[in-house]
Amino acid sequence: SETAKRTWHTGFEALEDAQSRIEEANLRIETLEESLQLLRDKDRELEASRRALATAQSSCVHFSNQLDFKTEELRVAQDANKRLNGNYESLQEAHRALGNTC
């Protein structure tokens, strides 16, 4: 009968429409899975960068500590040099004084 044909035709169109929506949803799922994989890859890259940064920061701290130590060594050496220069000047003055008395 005509009603049965229309019902079958309507059901068939609904089935085609559902299949089309399922295919679209599957494509979106594939796209989302690809995006998720890209995000995971980027996360691994970011973690590797974080580790490299932590290593670099550690090296900088070590270098800074060495620089502080060497700066202190230089300050001590400069102080010693000033004292030696003062002693040398005193010796020169004493030598001149002795030279003037001889």
C-alpha atoms as a PDB file:
ATOM      1  CA  SER A   1       0.000   0.000   0.000  1.00  0.00           C
ATOM      2  CA  GLU A   2       0.935   3.631  -0.426  1.00  0.00           C
ATOM      3  CA  THR A   3       1.202   4.292   3.327  1.00  0.00           C
ATOM      4  CA  ALA A   4       3.599   1.391   3.754  1.00  0.00           C
ATOM      5  CA  LYS A   5       5.749   2.680   0.870  1.00  0.00           C
ATOM      6  CA  ARG A   6       5.860   6.152   2.377  1.00  0.00           C
ATOM      7  CA  THR A   7       6.683   4.737   5.810  1.00  0.00           C
ATOM      8  CA  TRP A   8       9.441   2.571   4.310  1.00  0.00           C
ATOM      9  CA  HIS A   9      10.758   5.529   2.281  1.00  0.00           C
ATOM     10  CA  THR A  10      10.714   7.793   5.371  1.00  0.00           C
ATOM     11  CA  GLY A  11      12.475   5.107   7.420  1.00  0.00           C
ATOM     12  CA  PHE A  12      15.071   4.616   4.673  1.00  0.00           C
ATOM     13  CA  GLU A  13      15.746   8.382   4.512  1.00  0.00           C
ATOM     14  CA  ALA A  14      16.082   8.453   8.313  1.00  0.00           C
ATOM     15  CA  LEU A  15      18.532   5.537   8.106  1.00  0.00           C
ATOM     16  CA  GLU A  16      20.590   7.311   5.403  1.00  0.00           C
ATOM     17  CA  ASP A  17      20.556  10.502   7.488  1.00  0.00           C
ATOM     18  CA  ALA A  18      21.704   8.573  10.582  1.00  0.00           C
ATOM     19  CA  GLN A  19      24.474   6.892   8.592  1.00  0.00           C
ATOM     20  CA  SER A  20      25.621  10.273   7.297  1.00  0.00           C
ATOM     21  CA  ARG A  21      25.690  11.683  10.845  1.00  0.00           C
ATOM     22  CA  ILE A  22      27.604   8.610  12.051  1.00  0.00           C
ATOM     23  CA  GLU A  23      30.196   9.106   9.286  1.00  0.00           C
ATOM     24  CA  GLU A  24      30.554  12.779  10.211  1.00  0.00           C
ATOM     25  CA  ALA A  25      30.927  11.849  13.878  1.00  0.00           C
ATOM     26  CA  ASN A  26      33.568   9.259  12.982  1.00  0.00           C
ATOM     27  CA  LEU A  27      35.499  11.888  11.016  1.00  0.00           C
ATOM     28  CA  ARG A  28      35.326  14.240  14.005  1.00  0.00           C
ATOM     29  CA  ILE A  29      36.536  11.415  16.259  1.00  0.00           C
ATOM     30  CA  GLU A  30      39.470  10.754  13.918  1.00  0.00           C
ATOM     31  CA  THR A  31      40.323  14.457  13.921  1.00  0.00           C
ATOM     32  CA  LEU A  32      40.098  14.554  17.707  1.00  0.00           C
ATOM     33  CA  GLU A  33      42.315  11.472  18.008  1.00  0.00           C
ATOM     34  CA  GLU A  34      44.896  13.080  15.710  1.00  0.00           C
ATOM     35  CA  SER A  35      44.736  16.285  17.746  1.00  0.00           C
ATOM     36  CA  LEU A  36      45.125  14.301  20.938  1.00  0.00           C
ATOM     37  CA  GLN A  37      48.198  12.554  19.543  1.00  0.00           C
ATOM     38  CA  LEU A  38      49.686  15.910  18.533  1.00  0.00           C
ATOM     39  CA  LEU A  39      49.044  17.206  22.038  1.00  0.00           C
ATOM     40  CA  ARG A  40      50.736  14.154  23.536  1.00  0.00           C
ATOM     41  CA  ASP A  41      53.727  14.685  21.233  1.00  0.00           C
ATOM     42  CA  LYS A  42      53.915  18.352  22.210  1.00  0.00           C
ATOM     43  CA  ASP A  43      53.629  17.381  25.885  1.00  0.00           C
ATOM     44  CA  ARG A  44      56.642  15.060  25.505  1.00  0.00           C
ATOM     45  CA  GLU A  45      58.571  17.845  23.756  1.00  0.00           C
ATOM     46  CA  LEU A  46      57.620  20.254  26.515  1.00  0.00           C
ATOM     47  CA  GLU A  47      58.760  17.799  29.182  1.00  0.00           C
ATOM     48  CA  ALA A  48      62.090  17.359  27.399  1.00  0.00           C
ATOM     49  CA  SER A  49      62.430  21.157  27.246  1.00  0.00           C
ATOM     50  CA  ARG A  50      61.629  21.404  30.958  1.00  0.00           C
ATOM     51  CA  ARG A  51      64.356  18.872  31.751  1.00  0.00           C
ATOM     52  CA  ALA A  52      66.840  20.739  29.549  1.00  0.00           C
ATOM     53  CA  LEU A  53      65.904  24.001  31.257  1.00  0.00           C
ATOM     54  CA  ALA A  54      66.340  22.449  34.700  1.00  0.00           C
ATOM     55  CA  THR A  55      69.792  21.214  33.660  1.00  0.00           C
ATOM     56  CA  ALA A  56      70.699  24.655  32.303  1.00  0.00           C
ATOM     57  CA  GLN A  57      69.452  26.334  35.477  1.00  0.00           C
ATOM     58  CA  SER A  58      71.507  23.929  37.582  1.00  0.00           C
ATOM     59  CA  SER A  59      74.572  24.731  35.490  1.00  0.00           C
ATOM     60  CA  CYS A  60      73.918  28.456  35.901  1.00  0.00           C
ATOM     61  CA  VAL A  61      73.624  28.090  39.671  1.00  0.00           C
ATOM     62  CA  HIS A  62      76.876  26.109  39.736  1.00  0.00           C
ATOM     63  CA  PHE A  63      78.597  28.734  37.572  1.00  0.00           C
ATOM     64  CA  SER A  64      77.224  31.530  39.743  1.00  0.00           C
ATOM     65  CA  ASN A  65      78.533  29.806  42.871  1.00  0.00           C
ATOM     66  CA  GLN A  66      81.947  29.376  41.256  1.00  0.00           C
ATOM     67  CA  LEU A  67      81.907  33.031  40.219  1.00  0.00           C
ATOM     68  CA  ASP A  68      81.066  34.090  43.793  1.00  0.00           C
ATOM     69  CA  PHE A  69      83.918  31.937  45.121  1.00  0.00           C
ATOM     70  CA  LYS A  70      86.409  33.300  42.573  1.00  0.00           C
ATOM     71  CA  THR A  71      85.233  36.861  43.263  1.00  0.00           C
ATOM     72  CA  GLU A  72      85.901  36.320  46.963  1.00  0.00           C
ATOM     73  CA  GLU A  73      89.331  34.833  46.165  1.00  0.00           C
ATOM     74  CA  LEU A  74      90.089  37.914  44.044  1.00  0.00           C
ATOM     75  CA  ARG A  75      88.982  40.263  46.830  1.00  0.00           C
ATOM     76  CA  VAL A  76      91.228  38.452  49.326  1.00  0.00           C
ATOM     77  CA  ALA A  77      94.142  38.583  46.854  1.00  0.00           C
ATOM     78  CA  GLN A  78      93.558  42.306  46.239  1.00  0.00           C
ATOM     79  CA  ASP A  79      93.523  42.962  49.995  1.00  0.00           C
ATOM     80  CA  ALA A  80      96.777  41.008  50.366  1.00  0.00           C
ATOM     81  CA  ASN A  81      98.265  42.954  47.458  1.00  0.00           C
ATOM     82  CA  LYS A  82      97.319  46.255  49.106  1.00  0.00           C
ATOM     83  CA  ARG A  83      98.984  45.121  52.341  1.00  0.00           C
ATOM     84  CA  LEU A  84     102.106  44.045  50.431  1.00  0.00           C
ATOM     85  CA  ASN A  85     102.194  47.393  48.614  1.00  0.00           C
ATOM     86  CA  GLY A  86     101.875  49.154  51.973  1.00  0.00           C
ATOM     87  CA  ASN A  87     104.702  47.052  53.401  1.00  0.00           C
ATOM     88  CA  TYR A  88     106.845  47.751  50.333  1.00  0.00           C
ATOM     89  CA  GLU A  89     106.262  51.489  50.679  1.00  0.00           C
ATOM     90  CA  SER A  90     107.155  51.286  54.376  1.00  0.00           C
ATOM     91  CA  LEU A  91     110.336  49.405  53.521  1.00  0.00           C
ATOM     92  CA  GLN A  92     111.233  52.005  50.903  1.00  0.00           C
ATOM     93  CA  GLU A  93     110.691  54.799  53.417  1.00  0.00           C
ATOM     94  CA  ALA A  94     112.808  52.940  55.967  1.00  0.00           C
ATOM     95  CA  HIS A  95     115.499  52.378  53.343  1.00  0.00           C
ATOM     96  CA  ARG A  96     115.464  56.067  52.433  1.00  0.00           C
ATOM     97  CA  ALA A  97     115.619  56.998  56.104  1.00  0.00           C
ATOM     98  CA  LEU A  98     118.555  54.686  56.632  1.00  0.00           C
ATOM     99  CA  GLY A  99     120.202  56.065  53.500  1.00  0.00           C
ATOM    100  CA  ASN A 100     119.851  59.583  54.802  1.00  0.00           C
ATOM    101  CA  THR A 101     121.467  58.681  58.109  1.00  0.00           C
ATOM    102  CA  CYS A 102     124.425  56.849  56.646  1.00  0.00           C
END
